[in-house]
């Protein structure tokens, strides 16, 4: 995929997740996406991002409605 580090800053995480804005990223964080904080530095791991997306995966029909 993209050549991004395992521990991404917020801008890199948005690119990795395919989202366009900080509001969406913050809503993902509110929904449980883990953020690593060391002093004032915030990072999101690719592993945690993948786990978050997998956890929120749902089966949908052709029209985008839950099955």
Protein backbone atom coordinates (compact mmCIF):
# COMPACT_ATOMS: atom_id res chain seq x y z
CA UNK A 1 0.00 0.00 0.00
CA UNK A 2 1.25 3.47 0.81
CA UNK A 3 4.72 3.97 2.20
CA UNK A 4 3.57 5.17 5.62
CA UNK A 5 5.21 4.43 8.98
CA UNK A 6 3.67 1.97 11.45
CA UNK A 7 3.01 4.86 13.85
CA UNK A 8 1.31 7.60 11.88
CA UNK A 9 0.50 11.20 12.73
CA UNK A 10 -3.11 12.26 12.22
CA UNK A 11 -2.59 13.47 8.66
CA UNK A 12 -0.93 10.19 7.67
CA UNK A 13 -3.67 8.20 9.44
CA UNK A 14 -6.35 10.05 7.48
CA UNK A 15 -4.58 9.16 4.24
CA UNK A 16 -4.21 5.52 5.34
CA UNK A 17 -7.89 5.28 6.30
CA UNK A 18 -9.04 7.10 3.18
CA UNK A 19 -10.83 9.90 5.01
CA UNK A 20 -10.67 13.55 4.12
CA UNK A 21 -11.04 15.51 7.31
CA UNK A 22 -10.12 15.82 10.93
CA UNK A 23 -13.80 15.77 11.94
CA UNK A 24 -14.15 12.25 10.58
CA UNK A 25 -10.91 11.14 12.25
CA UNK A 26 -12.06 12.55 15.58
CA UNK A 27 -15.39 10.75 15.23
CA UNK A 28 -13.46 7.50 14.60
CA UNK A 29 -11.48 8.22 17.78
CA UNK A 30 -14.74 8.83 19.66
CA UNK A 31 -15.94 5.44 18.32
CA UNK A 32 -12.86 3.69 19.73
CA UNK A 33 -9.90 4.19 17.39
CA UNK A 34 -6.87 4.04 19.68
CA UNK A 35 -4.44 6.97 19.87
CA UNK A 36 -0.95 6.63 21.34
CA UNK A 37 0.07 9.71 23.32
CA UNK A 38 3.64 10.30 24.49
CA UNK A 39 4.06 13.72 26.03
CA UNK A 40 2.27 15.89 23.47
CA UNK A 41 2.87 13.62 20.48
CA UNK A 42 -0.13 11.69 19.15
CA UNK A 43 0.16 8.68 16.86
CA UNK A 44 -2.15 6.02 15.45
CA UNK A 45 -0.71 2.62 14.60
CA UNK A 46 -1.59 0.91 11.33
CA UNK A 47 -2.40 -2.22 13.32
CA UNK A 48 -4.92 -0.36 15.51
CA UNK A 49 -6.43 1.35 12.46
CA UNK A 50 -6.89 -2.02 10.73
CA UNK A 51 -8.43 -3.55 13.88
CA UNK A 52 -10.81 -0.59 14.21
CA UNK A 53 -11.97 -0.89 10.61
CA UNK A 54 -12.40 -4.66 10.89
CA UNK A 55 -14.37 -4.28 14.14
CA UNK A 56 -16.74 -1.86 12.40
CA UNK A 57 -17.21 -3.99 9.28
CA UNK A 58 -20.79 -5.01 8.55
CA UNK A 59 -22.39 -7.08 5.85
CA UNK A 60 -24.35 -4.85 3.50
CA UNK A 61 -26.66 -5.58 0.63
CA UNK A 62 -26.35 -4.02 -2.83
CA UNK A 63 -28.04 -0.77 -1.69
CA UNK A 64 -25.82 -0.29 1.36
CA UNK A 65 -28.39 -1.52 3.86
CA UNK A 66 -27.38 -3.90 6.67
CA UNK A 67 -28.23 -7.56 6.07
